[in-house]
């Protein structure tokens, strides 16, 4: 192989084009393990449980650019 002091963009693109057909179709998705399924379910539960809290925080927060002086 010849010495190439700098990478060539055209050479890299040709190499990608040469090997692009080798990718093929995506494999079918694998089944989740019980631990992964439990983690996914727990994350979904946490998101639905925290929604009322975030809504209340958004209502209580000042608008962008608004400054509220503390009364304490």
N, C-alpha and C. Protein backbone atom coordinates (compact mmCIF):
# COMPACT_ATOMS: atom_id res chain seq x y z
N UNK A 1 0.85 -1.17 0.00
CA UNK A 1 0.00 0.00 0.00
C UNK A 1 0.89 1.24 0.00
N UNK A 2 0.52 2.20 -0.80
CA UNK A 2 1.31 3.41 -0.92
C UNK A 2 1.16 4.28 0.33
N UNK A 3 2.21 5.01 0.62
CA UNK A 3 2.18 5.91 1.76
C UNK A 3 1.28 7.11 1.46
N UNK A 4 0.35 7.41 2.36
CA UNK A 4 -0.55 8.54 2.19
C UNK A 4 -0.37 9.46 3.40
N UNK A 5 0.31 10.59 3.22
CA UNK A 5 0.57 11.47 4.37
C UNK A 5 -0.68 12.12 4.94
N UNK A 6 -1.68 12.35 4.11
CA UNK A 6 -2.93 12.97 4.60
C UNK A 6 -4.12 12.13 4.17
N UNK A 7 -5.16 12.06 5.00
CA UNK A 7 -6.35 11.31 4.59
C UNK A 7 -7.05 11.99 3.42
N UNK A 8 -7.60 11.20 2.56
CA UNK A 8 -8.29 11.72 1.39
C UNK A 8 -9.79 11.48 1.56
N UNK A 9 -10.57 12.55 1.47
CA UNK A 9 -12.02 12.44 1.63
C UNK A 9 -12.62 11.58 0.51
N UNK A 10 -12.15 11.78 -0.72
CA UNK A 10 -12.67 11.02 -1.86
C UNK A 10 -12.37 9.54 -1.71
N UNK A 11 -11.17 9.23 -1.24
CA UNK A 11 -10.79 7.82 -1.05
C UNK A 11 -11.67 7.17 0.01
N UNK A 12 -11.97 7.89 1.09
CA UNK A 12 -12.82 7.36 2.14
C UNK A 12 -14.24 7.14 1.63
N UNK A 13 -14.76 8.08 0.84
CA UNK A 13 -16.11 7.92 0.30
C UNK A 13 -16.19 6.74 -0.65
N UNK A 14 -15.15 6.53 -1.48
CA UNK A 14 -15.13 5.38 -2.38
C UNK A 14 -15.13 4.07 -1.58
N UNK A 15 -14.39 4.05 -0.48
CA UNK A 15 -14.32 2.85 0.34
C UNK A 15 -15.68 2.56 0.98
N UNK A 16 -16.36 3.60 1.43
CA UNK A 16 -17.70 3.41 2.00
C UNK A 16 -18.66 2.88 0.95
N UNK A 17 -18.60 3.44 -0.26
CA UNK A 17 -19.46 2.98 -1.34
C UNK A 17 -19.18 1.53 -1.71
N UNK A 18 -17.91 1.12 -1.67
CA UNK A 18 -17.55 -0.26 -1.99
C UNK A 18 -18.16 -1.24 -1.01
N UNK A 19 -18.24 -0.86 0.26
CA UNK A 19 -18.69 -1.80 1.29
C UNK A 19 -20.12 -1.54 1.75
N UNK A 20 -20.81 -0.59 1.14
CA UNK A 20 -22.16 -0.24 1.60
C UNK A 20 -23.14 -1.40 1.41
N UNK A 21 -22.96 -2.22 0.37
CA UNK A 21 -23.89 -3.31 0.10
C UNK A 21 -23.78 -4.42 1.13
N UNK A 22 -22.71 -4.45 1.92
CA UNK A 22 -22.50 -5.54 2.87
C UNK A 22 -23.33 -5.40 4.14
N UNK A 23 -23.99 -4.27 4.34
CA UNK A 23 -24.72 -4.03 5.58
C UNK A 23 -25.90 -4.99 5.70
N UNK A 24 -26.72 -5.07 4.69
CA UNK A 24 -27.84 -5.99 4.69
C UNK A 24 -28.99 -5.50 5.56
N UNK A 25 -30.04 -6.33 5.67
CA UNK A 25 -31.20 -5.93 6.46
C UNK A 25 -30.90 -5.97 7.96
N UNK A 26 -31.67 -5.22 8.70
CA UNK A 26 -31.48 -5.18 10.15
C UNK A 26 -31.95 -6.50 10.77
N UNK A 27 -31.24 -6.97 11.76
CA UNK A 27 -31.66 -8.21 12.42
C UNK A 27 -32.94 -7.97 13.22
N UNK A 28 -33.72 -9.01 13.46
CA UNK A 28 -34.95 -8.82 14.23
C UNK A 28 -34.61 -8.42 15.67
N UNK A 29 -35.47 -7.62 16.30
CA UNK A 29 -35.17 -7.20 17.67
C UNK A 29 -35.19 -8.39 18.62
N UNK A 30 -34.28 -8.38 19.58
CA UNK A 30 -34.23 -9.49 20.53
C UNK A 30 -35.21 -9.25 21.66
N UNK A 31 -35.61 -10.31 22.32
CA UNK A 31 -36.50 -10.19 23.47
C UNK A 31 -35.73 -9.61 24.64
N UNK A 32 -36.41 -8.80 25.45
CA UNK A 32 -35.78 -8.24 26.63
C UNK A 32 -35.65 -9.30 27.72
N UNK A 33 -34.57 -9.22 28.46
CA UNK A 33 -34.41 -10.11 29.60
C UNK A 33 -35.36 -9.65 30.69
N UNK A 34 -35.67 -10.48 31.68
CA UNK A 34 -36.56 -10.05 32.76
C UNK A 34 -36.05 -8.80 33.49
N UNK A 35 -34.74 -8.68 33.67
CA UNK A 35 -34.19 -7.51 34.34
C UNK A 35 -34.41 -6.27 33.49
N UNK A 36 -34.16 -6.37 32.19
CA UNK A 36 -34.36 -5.23 31.29
C UNK A 36 -35.83 -4.82 31.25
N UNK A 37 -36.74 -5.81 31.22
CA UNK A 37 -38.17 -5.52 31.19
C UNK A 37 -38.59 -4.83 32.48
N UNK A 38 -38.07 -5.29 33.62
CA UNK A 38 -38.40 -4.68 34.90
C UNK A 38 -37.88 -3.24 34.95
N UNK A 39 -36.70 -3.02 34.43
CA UNK A 39 -36.13 -1.67 34.40
C UNK A 39 -36.97 -0.76 33.51
N UNK A 40 -37.40 -1.26 32.38
CA UNK A 40 -38.22 -0.48 31.46
C UNK A 40 -39.56 -0.14 32.09
N UNK A 41 -40.18 -1.12 32.74
CA UNK A 41 -41.47 -0.88 33.40
C UNK A 41 -41.32 0.11 34.55
N UNK A 42 -40.24 -0.02 35.32
CA UNK A 42 -40.01 0.89 36.44
C UNK A 42 -39.78 2.32 35.97
N UNK A 43 -39.08 2.46 34.86
CA UNK A 43 -38.83 3.80 34.30
C UNK A 43 -40.14 4.42 33.84
N UNK A 44 -40.99 3.63 33.18
CA UNK A 44 -42.28 4.15 32.72
C UNK A 44 -43.15 4.55 33.90
N UNK A 45 -43.12 3.77 34.97
CA UNK A 45 -43.90 4.10 36.17
C UNK A 45 -43.38 5.38 36.81
N UNK A 46 -42.08 5.53 36.89
CA UNK A 46 -41.50 6.73 37.48
C UNK A 46 -41.87 7.97 36.68
N UNK A 47 -41.88 7.86 35.38
CA UNK A 47 -42.22 9.01 34.54
C UNK A 47 -43.68 9.40 34.74
N UNK A 48 -44.57 8.43 34.81
CA UNK A 48 -45.99 8.76 35.00
C UNK A 48 -46.25 9.27 36.41
N UNK A 49 -45.51 8.78 37.41
CA UNK A 49 -45.69 9.23 38.79
C UNK A 49 -45.17 10.64 39.01
N UNK A 50 -44.15 11.04 38.29
CA UNK A 50 -43.53 12.35 38.50
C UNK A 50 -44.24 13.45 37.71
N UNK A 51 -45.08 13.10 36.78
CA UNK A 51 -45.75 14.10 35.93
C UNK A 51 -46.53 15.15 36.73
N UNK A 52 -47.35 14.80 37.73
CA UNK A 52 -48.05 15.84 38.49
C UNK A 52 -47.08 16.79 39.22
N UNK A 53 -45.97 16.27 39.68
CA UNK A 53 -44.99 17.10 40.38
C UNK A 53 -44.38 18.11 39.42
N UNK A 54 -43.99 17.67 38.25
CA UNK A 54 -43.39 18.60 37.28
C UNK A 54 -44.40 19.64 36.82
N UNK A 55 -45.67 19.25 36.68
CA UNK A 55 -46.70 20.21 36.29
C UNK A 55 -46.84 21.30 37.36
N UNK A 56 -46.85 20.89 38.63
CA UNK A 56 -46.96 21.86 39.72
C UNK A 56 -45.74 22.78 39.76
N UNK A 57 -44.57 22.23 39.53
CA UNK A 57 -43.37 23.05 39.52
C UNK A 57 -43.38 24.07 38.39
N UNK A 58 -43.86 23.67 37.23
CA UNK A 58 -43.93 24.60 36.10
C UNK A 58 -44.92 25.73 36.38
N UNK A 59 -46.00 25.43 37.09
CA UNK A 59 -46.98 26.46 37.41
C UNK A 59 -46.43 27.42 38.46
N UNK A 60 -45.63 26.92 39.40
CA UNK A 60 -45.10 27.75 40.48
C UNK A 60 -43.87 28.55 40.06
N UNK A 61 -43.19 28.12 39.03
CA UNK A 61 -41.95 28.78 38.61
C UNK A 61 -42.27 30.12 37.95
N UNK A 62 -41.43 31.12 38.16
CA UNK A 62 -41.65 32.41 37.50
C UNK A 62 -41.42 32.30 35.99
N UNK A 63 -42.04 33.20 35.27
CA UNK A 63 -41.86 33.22 33.81
C UNK A 63 -40.43 33.58 33.49
N UNK A 64 -40.02 33.28 32.28
CA UNK A 64 -38.66 33.58 31.86
C UNK A 64 -38.46 35.09 31.88
N UNK A 65 -37.39 35.54 32.54
CA UNK A 65 -37.10 36.96 32.62
C UNK A 65 -37.77 37.65 33.80
N UNK A 66 -38.64 36.95 34.51
CA UNK A 66 -39.32 37.54 35.67
C UNK A 66 -38.49 37.30 36.92
N UNK A 67 -38.39 38.31 37.76
CA UNK A 67 -37.64 38.18 39.01
C UNK A 67 -38.61 38.32 40.17
N UNK A 68 -38.58 37.35 41.08
CA UNK A 68 -39.44 37.42 42.26
C UNK A 68 -38.57 37.64 43.47
N UNK A 69 -38.88 38.67 44.22
CA UNK A 69 -38.14 39.00 45.43
C UNK A 69 -38.67 38.18 46.58
N UNK A 70 -37.77 37.53 47.29
CA UNK A 70 -38.16 36.72 48.43
C UNK A 70 -38.66 37.61 49.56
N UNK A 71 -39.71 37.20 50.26
CA UNK A 71 -40.27 38.00 51.36
C UNK A 71 -39.70 37.57 52.70
N UNK A 72 -38.81 36.66 52.73
CA UNK A 72 -38.21 36.20 53.99
C UNK A 72 -37.06 37.04 54.39
